[in-house]
N, C-alpha and C. Protein backbone atom coordinates (compact mmCIF):
# COMPACT_ATOMS: atom_id res chain seq x y z
N MET A 1 37.79 -29.52 21.14
CA MET A 1 38.09 -30.20 19.89
C MET A 1 39.53 -30.68 19.89
N CYS A 2 39.72 -31.89 19.50
CA CYS A 2 41.08 -32.40 19.41
C CYS A 2 41.66 -32.04 18.04
N ILE A 3 42.92 -32.25 17.87
CA ILE A 3 43.62 -31.86 16.65
C ILE A 3 43.06 -32.58 15.43
N VAL A 4 42.71 -33.82 15.57
CA VAL A 4 42.17 -34.59 14.44
C VAL A 4 40.85 -33.99 13.97
N GLU A 5 39.97 -33.62 14.92
CA GLU A 5 38.70 -33.01 14.56
C GLU A 5 38.91 -31.67 13.87
N VAL A 6 39.86 -30.88 14.36
CA VAL A 6 40.15 -29.59 13.75
C VAL A 6 40.64 -29.78 12.32
N LEU A 7 41.53 -30.74 12.11
CA LEU A 7 42.05 -30.98 10.76
C LEU A 7 40.95 -31.47 9.83
N GLU A 8 40.08 -32.34 10.32
CA GLU A 8 38.96 -32.82 9.51
C GLU A 8 38.03 -31.67 9.16
N PHE A 9 37.77 -30.79 10.13
CA PHE A 9 36.89 -29.65 9.89
C PHE A 9 37.50 -28.72 8.84
N ARG A 10 38.80 -28.44 8.97
CA ARG A 10 39.46 -27.57 7.99
C ARG A 10 39.43 -28.19 6.60
N LEU A 11 39.58 -29.49 6.53
CA LEU A 11 39.52 -30.17 5.24
C LEU A 11 38.14 -30.03 4.63
N LYS A 12 37.10 -30.21 5.43
CA LYS A 12 35.74 -30.04 4.94
C LYS A 12 35.52 -28.61 4.45
N CYS A 13 36.03 -27.66 5.20
CA CYS A 13 35.85 -26.25 4.85
C CYS A 13 36.58 -25.90 3.56
N LYS A 14 37.76 -26.46 3.35
CA LYS A 14 38.51 -26.18 2.14
C LYS A 14 37.78 -26.69 0.91
N ILE A 15 37.02 -27.76 1.07
CA ILE A 15 36.26 -28.28 -0.06
C ILE A 15 35.21 -27.27 -0.49
N ILE A 16 34.57 -26.61 0.47
CA ILE A 16 33.51 -25.66 0.15
C ILE A 16 34.09 -24.41 -0.51
N VAL A 17 34.99 -23.73 0.17
CA VAL A 17 35.59 -22.51 -0.37
C VAL A 17 36.90 -22.27 0.39
N ASP A 18 37.82 -21.64 -0.28
CA ASP A 18 39.12 -21.38 0.34
C ASP A 18 39.25 -19.88 0.59
N MET A 19 39.04 -19.45 1.83
CA MET A 19 39.13 -18.03 2.18
C MET A 19 40.53 -17.75 2.71
N LYS A 20 41.41 -17.36 1.82
CA LYS A 20 42.77 -17.08 2.23
C LYS A 20 42.93 -15.66 2.74
N GLY A 21 42.00 -14.80 2.43
CA GLY A 21 42.08 -13.42 2.85
C GLY A 21 42.33 -12.51 1.66
N PRO A 22 42.41 -11.24 1.92
CA PRO A 22 42.53 -10.26 0.85
C PRO A 22 43.92 -10.18 0.26
N LYS A 23 43.98 -9.62 -0.93
CA LYS A 23 45.28 -9.33 -1.53
C LYS A 23 45.83 -8.08 -0.85
N LEU A 24 47.05 -8.18 -0.35
CA LEU A 24 47.62 -7.10 0.45
C LEU A 24 48.12 -5.96 -0.43
N LEU A 25 48.19 -4.78 0.19
CA LEU A 25 48.70 -3.60 -0.52
C LEU A 25 50.21 -3.72 -0.71
N PRO A 26 50.74 -3.08 -1.75
CA PRO A 26 52.20 -3.09 -1.94
C PRO A 26 52.93 -2.35 -0.82
N LYS A 27 54.19 -2.68 -0.66
CA LYS A 27 55.02 -2.11 0.40
C LYS A 27 55.15 -0.59 0.26
N LYS A 28 55.19 -0.10 -0.98
CA LYS A 28 55.37 1.35 -1.18
C LYS A 28 54.18 2.15 -0.65
N ILE A 29 53.00 1.55 -0.62
CA ILE A 29 51.82 2.23 -0.08
C ILE A 29 51.76 2.08 1.44
N THR A 30 52.01 0.87 1.94
CA THR A 30 51.92 0.65 3.38
C THR A 30 52.99 1.42 4.15
N SER A 31 54.11 1.68 3.53
CA SER A 31 55.16 2.43 4.22
C SER A 31 54.79 3.90 4.39
N LYS A 32 53.90 4.42 3.55
CA LYS A 32 53.48 5.82 3.64
C LYS A 32 52.29 6.03 4.58
N MET A 33 51.64 4.96 4.96
CA MET A 33 50.43 5.09 5.79
C MET A 33 50.77 5.51 7.21
N ASN A 34 49.86 6.32 7.82
CA ASN A 34 50.07 6.70 9.21
C ASN A 34 49.52 5.62 10.14
N LYS A 35 49.66 5.82 11.44
CA LYS A 35 49.30 4.80 12.44
C LYS A 35 47.81 4.47 12.39
N ARG A 36 46.95 5.47 12.27
CA ARG A 36 45.51 5.25 12.25
C ARG A 36 45.10 4.43 11.02
N GLU A 37 45.66 4.77 9.87
CA GLU A 37 45.35 4.03 8.64
C GLU A 37 45.85 2.59 8.72
N THR A 38 47.04 2.41 9.27
CA THR A 38 47.60 1.07 9.40
C THR A 38 46.75 0.21 10.33
N THR A 39 46.31 0.79 11.44
CA THR A 39 45.48 0.06 12.40
C THR A 39 44.16 -0.35 11.76
N LYS A 40 43.52 0.58 11.05
CA LYS A 40 42.25 0.26 10.40
C LYS A 40 42.44 -0.79 9.32
N TYR A 41 43.52 -0.68 8.57
CA TYR A 41 43.82 -1.64 7.50
C TYR A 41 44.01 -3.04 8.07
N GLU A 42 44.77 -3.17 9.15
CA GLU A 42 44.99 -4.47 9.77
C GLU A 42 43.71 -5.05 10.36
N LYS A 43 42.87 -4.18 10.94
CA LYS A 43 41.60 -4.64 11.50
C LYS A 43 40.68 -5.14 10.39
N LEU A 44 40.66 -4.46 9.26
CA LEU A 44 39.82 -4.90 8.15
C LEU A 44 40.29 -6.26 7.61
N ILE A 45 41.60 -6.47 7.57
CA ILE A 45 42.13 -7.76 7.12
C ILE A 45 41.69 -8.87 8.08
N GLN A 46 41.82 -8.61 9.38
CA GLN A 46 41.43 -9.61 10.38
C GLN A 46 39.93 -9.90 10.31
N ASP A 47 39.12 -8.84 10.12
CA ASP A 47 37.68 -9.03 10.01
C ASP A 47 37.33 -9.85 8.78
N TRP A 48 38.01 -9.57 7.66
CA TRP A 48 37.76 -10.32 6.42
C TRP A 48 38.00 -11.81 6.66
N ILE A 49 39.14 -12.12 7.24
CA ILE A 49 39.52 -13.52 7.45
C ILE A 49 38.56 -14.20 8.43
N LYS A 50 38.24 -13.51 9.54
CA LYS A 50 37.35 -14.10 10.56
C LYS A 50 35.96 -14.34 9.99
N THR A 51 35.39 -13.36 9.30
CA THR A 51 34.04 -13.55 8.75
C THR A 51 34.05 -14.62 7.67
N GLY A 52 35.14 -14.71 6.91
CA GLY A 52 35.24 -15.77 5.90
C GLY A 52 35.26 -17.15 6.53
N GLU A 53 36.01 -17.29 7.61
CA GLU A 53 36.07 -18.58 8.31
C GLU A 53 34.72 -18.92 8.94
N ASP A 54 34.05 -17.89 9.50
CA ASP A 54 32.72 -18.13 10.08
C ASP A 54 31.73 -18.56 9.01
N MET A 55 31.83 -17.94 7.83
CA MET A 55 30.95 -18.29 6.73
C MET A 55 31.16 -19.75 6.31
N VAL A 56 32.40 -20.13 6.16
CA VAL A 56 32.71 -21.50 5.75
C VAL A 56 32.21 -22.50 6.78
N LYS A 57 32.39 -22.18 8.05
CA LYS A 57 31.94 -23.07 9.12
C LYS A 57 30.42 -23.22 9.10
N ALA A 58 29.70 -22.10 8.98
CA ALA A 58 28.23 -22.14 8.97
C ALA A 58 27.72 -22.92 7.76
N GLN A 59 28.33 -22.70 6.61
CA GLN A 59 27.89 -23.41 5.41
C GLN A 59 28.21 -24.90 5.50
N ALA A 60 29.33 -25.25 6.09
CA ALA A 60 29.69 -26.66 6.24
C ALA A 60 28.70 -27.37 7.15
N GLU A 61 28.33 -26.73 8.25
CA GLU A 61 27.35 -27.32 9.16
C GLU A 61 26.01 -27.51 8.46
N SER A 62 25.62 -26.50 7.69
CA SER A 62 24.34 -26.56 6.97
C SER A 62 24.33 -27.70 5.95
N VAL A 63 25.41 -27.81 5.20
CA VAL A 63 25.49 -28.86 4.18
C VAL A 63 25.49 -30.24 4.82
N ASP A 64 26.26 -30.41 5.89
CA ASP A 64 26.31 -31.71 6.57
C ASP A 64 24.94 -32.12 7.09
N TYR A 65 24.27 -31.19 7.75
CA TYR A 65 22.95 -31.52 8.29
C TYR A 65 21.93 -31.74 7.17
N GLY A 66 22.03 -30.95 6.11
CA GLY A 66 21.12 -31.12 4.97
C GLY A 66 21.28 -32.49 4.32
N ARG A 67 22.49 -32.95 4.19
CA ARG A 67 22.73 -34.29 3.62
C ARG A 67 22.20 -35.38 4.54
N LYS A 68 22.33 -35.15 5.84
CA LYS A 68 21.82 -36.11 6.82
C LYS A 68 20.29 -36.20 6.72
N ILE A 69 19.65 -35.06 6.59
CA ILE A 69 18.18 -35.01 6.48
C ILE A 69 17.71 -35.65 5.17
N ASP A 70 18.45 -35.43 4.09
CA ASP A 70 18.05 -35.99 2.79
C ASP A 70 18.02 -37.51 2.80
N LYS A 71 18.86 -38.12 3.62
CA LYS A 71 18.91 -39.58 3.69
C LYS A 71 17.74 -40.18 4.48
N MET A 72 17.05 -39.35 5.25
CA MET A 72 15.95 -39.83 6.08
C MET A 72 14.68 -40.00 5.25
N GLU A 73 13.88 -40.97 5.66
CA GLU A 73 12.58 -41.22 4.99
C GLU A 73 11.63 -40.06 5.25
N ASN A 74 11.31 -39.85 6.52
CA ASN A 74 10.36 -38.80 6.92
C ASN A 74 10.96 -37.96 8.05
N PRO A 75 11.66 -36.88 7.71
CA PRO A 75 12.21 -36.03 8.78
C PRO A 75 11.08 -35.33 9.55
N THR A 76 11.28 -35.15 10.82
CA THR A 76 10.27 -34.50 11.65
C THR A 76 10.25 -33.00 11.37
N ALA A 77 9.22 -32.34 11.86
CA ALA A 77 9.10 -30.89 11.67
C ALA A 77 10.26 -30.16 12.34
N ALA A 78 10.69 -30.65 13.50
CA ALA A 78 11.80 -30.03 14.21
C ALA A 78 13.10 -30.15 13.41
N GLN A 79 13.28 -31.30 12.77
CA GLN A 79 14.49 -31.49 11.96
C GLN A 79 14.47 -30.57 10.73
N LYS A 80 13.32 -30.42 10.12
CA LYS A 80 13.19 -29.52 8.97
C LYS A 80 13.43 -28.07 9.39
N LYS A 81 12.92 -27.73 10.57
CA LYS A 81 13.10 -26.38 11.09
C LYS A 81 14.58 -26.10 11.38
N LYS A 82 15.26 -27.08 11.95
CA LYS A 82 16.70 -26.92 12.23
C LYS A 82 17.48 -26.78 10.93
N ASP A 83 17.11 -27.55 9.91
CA ASP A 83 17.76 -27.45 8.61
C ASP A 83 17.58 -26.06 8.03
N LYS A 84 16.37 -25.54 8.09
CA LYS A 84 16.10 -24.19 7.57
C LYS A 84 16.89 -23.14 8.36
N LYS A 85 16.96 -23.33 9.67
CA LYS A 85 17.70 -22.39 10.53
C LYS A 85 19.19 -22.40 10.16
N LEU A 86 19.75 -23.57 9.91
CA LEU A 86 21.16 -23.67 9.54
C LEU A 86 21.41 -23.04 8.16
N ILE A 87 20.48 -23.22 7.24
CA ILE A 87 20.62 -22.61 5.91
C ILE A 87 20.59 -21.09 6.03
N ASP A 88 19.65 -20.58 6.83
CA ASP A 88 19.57 -19.13 7.03
C ASP A 88 20.84 -18.58 7.68
N ALA A 89 21.37 -19.32 8.65
CA ALA A 89 22.60 -18.89 9.31
C ALA A 89 23.77 -18.86 8.32
N GLY A 90 23.81 -19.82 7.41
CA GLY A 90 24.85 -19.83 6.39
C GLY A 90 24.76 -18.62 5.47
N PHE A 91 23.54 -18.27 5.06
CA PHE A 91 23.36 -17.10 4.20
C PHE A 91 23.68 -15.80 4.93
N LYS A 92 23.32 -15.71 6.21
CA LYS A 92 23.64 -14.52 6.99
C LYS A 92 25.15 -14.36 7.13
N ALA A 93 25.83 -15.45 7.40
CA ALA A 93 27.29 -15.42 7.54
C ALA A 93 27.93 -15.02 6.21
N GLU A 94 27.39 -15.53 5.10
CA GLU A 94 27.91 -15.19 3.78
C GLU A 94 27.72 -13.70 3.51
N SER A 95 26.55 -13.18 3.83
CA SER A 95 26.27 -11.76 3.63
C SER A 95 27.23 -10.89 4.44
N LYS A 96 27.45 -11.28 5.68
CA LYS A 96 28.37 -10.54 6.55
C LYS A 96 29.80 -10.58 6.01
N ALA A 97 30.23 -11.74 5.52
CA ALA A 97 31.58 -11.88 4.98
C ALA A 97 31.75 -11.03 3.73
N PHE A 98 30.75 -11.03 2.85
CA PHE A 98 30.84 -10.22 1.63
C PHE A 98 30.82 -8.74 1.95
N LYS A 99 30.08 -8.35 2.98
CA LYS A 99 30.04 -6.95 3.39
C LYS A 99 31.42 -6.49 3.88
N LYS A 100 32.08 -7.35 4.67
CA LYS A 100 33.43 -7.02 5.15
C LYS A 100 34.42 -6.96 4.00
N ALA A 101 34.28 -7.86 3.03
CA ALA A 101 35.18 -7.85 1.87
C ALA A 101 34.99 -6.57 1.07
N ASP A 102 33.74 -6.14 0.89
CA ASP A 102 33.47 -4.90 0.17
C ASP A 102 34.02 -3.69 0.91
N GLU A 103 33.88 -3.71 2.24
CA GLU A 103 34.40 -2.62 3.07
C GLU A 103 35.93 -2.54 2.92
N TYR A 104 36.59 -3.70 2.92
CA TYR A 104 38.04 -3.74 2.75
C TYR A 104 38.42 -3.20 1.37
N ASP A 105 37.74 -3.65 0.32
CA ASP A 105 38.05 -3.21 -1.04
C ASP A 105 37.88 -1.70 -1.19
N GLU A 106 36.84 -1.18 -0.59
CA GLU A 106 36.58 0.26 -0.64
C GLU A 106 37.70 1.04 0.04
N TYR A 107 38.14 0.56 1.20
CA TYR A 107 39.21 1.24 1.93
C TYR A 107 40.54 1.16 1.18
N VAL A 108 40.82 0.02 0.56
CA VAL A 108 42.06 -0.14 -0.20
C VAL A 108 42.08 0.80 -1.40
N GLU A 109 40.95 0.93 -2.08
CA GLU A 109 40.87 1.86 -3.22
C GLU A 109 41.13 3.29 -2.77
N LYS A 110 40.58 3.64 -1.61
CA LYS A 110 40.80 4.98 -1.05
C LYS A 110 42.29 5.21 -0.77
N LEU A 111 42.95 4.20 -0.20
CA LEU A 111 44.38 4.32 0.10
C LEU A 111 45.21 4.38 -1.18
N LYS A 112 44.83 3.59 -2.19
CA LYS A 112 45.56 3.61 -3.45
C LYS A 112 45.48 4.97 -4.13
N LYS A 113 44.31 5.60 -4.08
CA LYS A 113 44.15 6.93 -4.66
C LYS A 113 44.98 7.96 -3.90
N LYS A 114 45.03 7.80 -2.59
CA LYS A 114 45.74 8.76 -1.75
C LYS A 114 47.26 8.66 -1.89
N TYR A 115 47.79 7.44 -1.95
CA TYR A 115 49.24 7.25 -1.91
C TYR A 115 49.89 6.83 -3.22
N ALA A 116 49.12 6.49 -4.22
CA ALA A 116 49.74 6.03 -5.47
C ALA A 116 49.85 7.14 -6.49
């Protein structure tokens, strides 16, 4: 992918949803965390962001293909099947992203109770 394609893709994705990532913990809590907690916390943040980006990408592909199919007079069975497959992939990616977000929120609440 060239830079122009990447920028266009990011622009399309921003229109759908803006996954900036989680709200970070305050400095007073992160300074008290041990190495294992810090590592898990950073991994959860990275997972949240990655799954969010994957979700946006899958949904963007699904929407683009769905709009393309809607313009056609008589889409073939294979085209309808591909559209359904892309929609399912978008929902699976969304489910995975929400699961990671919930996992992060649960861990942050645990840390807040422990250190606040």
